């Protein structure tokens, strides 16, 4: 097996390890479009990072956290529904990022790589950073799992039980932001939400407990990565979209088999 393909598979599997459980919570909390908004805002972070000559990953992390904070504050108003707010902020952040990128001079910007990912270009250095980030996210998620689950099931009951709702929600949002930052180069801003939502939705058909769903979502995500990269290698198709197509195919199969069980 070619070296670049090994790195791509390892990177994709690493992302699936955290996308699975984080995506499960997005489904349980009915926040799928929230994840989409954060991934779109990552393009704004790319532009800010380039314009300010700082690490692009830092720019992505800052922009996603700022957008998340804006979303949380905006949801307190009652004039617009949350879906309308998410749509406005999502597309505004994406468009602003694309406009700002046009002001980047003296640097070649491969916009397609940021939008759709370039997992085949992952280096061993990138892989090391991804592994460390994934380890940290999994460790933090393990610590907040019970209070986050309690908050997801019943917010008022979680408050009575002493759960610091604001803190746990902020930490969860930070974990999503970290995922977006490290997944940008692999799957791209427009496809990140697919790896968050589709494997979790597939796993939901066959899970009886939250833990089962999280683990199955990881398994489905890993299989999607391997199938998608194999298809890309065999038929010379775009790697990122191929992974999403593989995940979508598994979801459709889950719908068929779940009806027969």
Foldseek 3Di string as FASTA:
>chain_A
DDPLLVQLLLLLLLLLLLLLLLLLLCVLLVNLLVLLLLLLLLLLLQLVCLVVVHPSLVSSLVRSLVLNVVLVVVCVDDPDDSVVVSVVSSVVSNVVSVVSNVVRPPDDDPQCCQAFADSSPQDVVLSVVSNVLSVVLVVVCVVCVVLSVVCSVPVVVSVVVPRPVVVSVSSSSSSSSSSSSSCRNNGHSNCSSLLNHLLLLLLVLPDDDSVSSSVSSSVLSSVLLVQLSVCCVVVVDRRNVSSSVSSVVSSVVSVVVSVVD
